[in-house]
Amino acid sequence: MHNRLVRTLRIIEKHLDKNEKWFRYPEKKMQSLDTEIHAWDKEFQQGIATFENVMDEFEKIME
């Protein structure tokens, strides 16, 4: 009886470990996505700043 209980508990623990990996997967994916978004946003903000500078110069020329 004792061996059967121990075996059952080990099986449950094994399945919980597998499920735990699946629970952590979205967190890891969100971290990598967040890193990608920050890199893209930095580049995008630099592009917007450059565009605004060009538009300011264009306005000065038009005056």
C-alpha atoms as a PDB file:
ATOM      1  CA  MET A   1       0.000   0.000   0.000  1.00  0.00           C
ATOM      2  CA  HIS A   2       2.794   2.403   0.919  1.00  0.00           C
ATOM      3  CA  ASN A   3       4.661   1.807  -2.356  1.00  0.00           C
ATOM      4  CA  ARG A   4       1.522   2.424  -4.354  1.00  0.00           C
ATOM      5  CA  LEU A   5       0.932   5.739  -2.588  1.00  0.00           C
ATOM      6  CA  VAL A   6       4.539   6.829  -3.113  1.00  0.00           C
ATOM      7  CA  ARG A   7       4.359   5.890  -6.792  1.00  0.00           C
ATOM      8  CA  THR A   8       1.104   7.811  -7.211  1.00  0.00           C
ATOM      9  CA  LEU A   9       2.576  10.874  -5.516  1.00  0.00           C
ATOM     10  CA  ARG A  10       5.635  10.741  -7.785  1.00  0.00           C
ATOM     11  CA  ILE A  11       3.401  10.571 -10.857  1.00  0.00           C
ATOM     12  CA  ILE A  12       1.428  13.577  -9.633  1.00  0.00           C
ATOM     13  CA  GLU A  13       4.640  15.491  -8.916  1.00  0.00           C
ATOM     14  CA  LYS A  14       5.956  14.677 -12.396  1.00  0.00           C
ATOM     15  CA  HIS A  15       2.809  16.016 -14.039  1.00  0.00           C
ATOM     16  CA  LEU A  16       2.823  19.130 -11.868  1.00  0.00           C
ATOM     17  CA  ASP A  17       6.396  19.868 -12.941  1.00  0.00           C
ATOM     18  CA  LYS A  18       5.396  19.573 -16.598  1.00  0.00           C
ATOM     19  CA  ASN A  19       2.415  21.861 -16.057  1.00  0.00           C
ATOM     20  CA  GLU A  20       4.557  24.342 -14.155  1.00  0.00           C
ATOM     21  CA  LYS A  21       6.728  24.754 -17.243  1.00  0.00           C
ATOM     22  CA  TRP A  22       3.615  25.603 -19.252  1.00  0.00           C
ATOM     23  CA  PHE A  23       2.555  28.139 -16.628  1.00  0.00           C
ATOM     24  CA  ARG A  24       5.957  29.840 -16.841  1.00  0.00           C
ATOM     25  CA  TYR A  25       5.982  29.945 -20.660  1.00  0.00           C
ATOM     26  CA  PRO A  26       3.660  32.986 -21.003  1.00  0.00           C
ATOM     27  CA  GLU A  27       5.789  34.902 -18.480  1.00  0.00           C
ATOM     28  CA  LYS A  28       8.954  34.212 -20.476  1.00  0.00           C
ATOM     29  CA  LYS A  29       7.185  35.116 -23.712  1.00  0.00           C
ATOM     30  CA  MET A  30       5.948  38.394 -22.215  1.00  0.00           C
ATOM     31  CA  GLN A  31       9.464  39.272 -21.057  1.00  0.00           C
ATOM     32  CA  SER A  32      10.916  38.714 -24.523  1.00  0.00           C
ATOM     33  CA  LEU A  33       8.028  40.609 -26.116  1.00  0.00           C
ATOM     34  CA  ASP A  34       8.530  43.485 -23.678  1.00  0.00           C
ATOM     35  CA  THR A  35      12.230  43.637 -24.587  1.00  0.00           C
ATOM     36  CA  GLU A  36      11.377  43.706 -28.304  1.00  0.00           C
ATOM     37  CA  ILE A  37       8.795  46.451 -27.765  1.00  0.00           C
ATOM     38  CA  HIS A  38      11.268  48.637 -25.860  1.00  0.00           C
ATOM     39  CA  ALA A  39      13.881  48.242 -28.603  1.00  0.00           C
ATOM     40  CA  TRP A  40      11.330  49.064 -31.313  1.00  0.00           C
ATOM     41  CA  ASP A  41       9.965  52.041 -29.357  1.00  0.00           C
ATOM     42  CA  LYS A  42      13.440  53.507 -28.870  1.00  0.00           C
ATOM     43  CA  GLU A  43      14.144  53.296 -32.601  1.00  0.00           C
ATOM     44  CA  PHE A  44      10.684  54.664 -33.430  1.00  0.00           C
ATOM     45  CA  GLN A  45      11.095  57.631 -31.068  1.00  0.00           C
ATOM     46  CA  GLN A  46      14.443  58.475 -32.678  1.00  0.00           C
ATOM     47  CA  GLY A  47      12.794  58.393 -36.099  1.00  0.00           C
ATOM     48  CA  ILE A  48       9.991  60.674 -34.904  1.00  0.00           C
ATOM     49  CA  ALA A  49      12.501  63.125 -33.410  1.00  0.00           C
ATOM     50  CA  THR A  50      14.415  63.230 -36.702  1.00  0.00           C
ATOM     51  CA  PHE A  51      11.186  63.786 -38.632  1.00  0.00           C
ATOM     52  CA  GLU A  52      10.137  66.603 -36.295  1.00  0.00           C
ATOM     53  CA  ASN A  53      13.521  68.286 -36.744  1.00  0.00           C
ATOM     54  CA  VAL A  54      13.172  68.086 -40.524  1.00  0.00           C
ATOM     55  CA  MET A  55       9.653  69.524 -40.328  1.00  0.00           C
ATOM     56  CA  ASP A  56      10.880  72.389 -38.110  1.00  0.00           C
ATOM     57  CA  GLU A  57      13.592  73.208 -40.642  1.00  0.00           C
ATOM     58  CA  PHE A  58      11.039  73.005 -43.448  1.00  0.00           C
ATOM     59  CA  GLU A  59       8.761  75.455 -41.612  1.00  0.00           C
ATOM     60  CA  LYS A  60      11.666  77.888 -41.218  1.00  0.00           C
ATOM     61  CA  ILE A  61      12.395  77.664 -44.942  1.00  0.00           C
ATOM     62  CA  MET A  62       8.723  78.245 -45.799  1.00  0.00           C
ATOM     63  CA  GLU A  63       8.575  81.436 -43.693  1.00  0.00           C
END
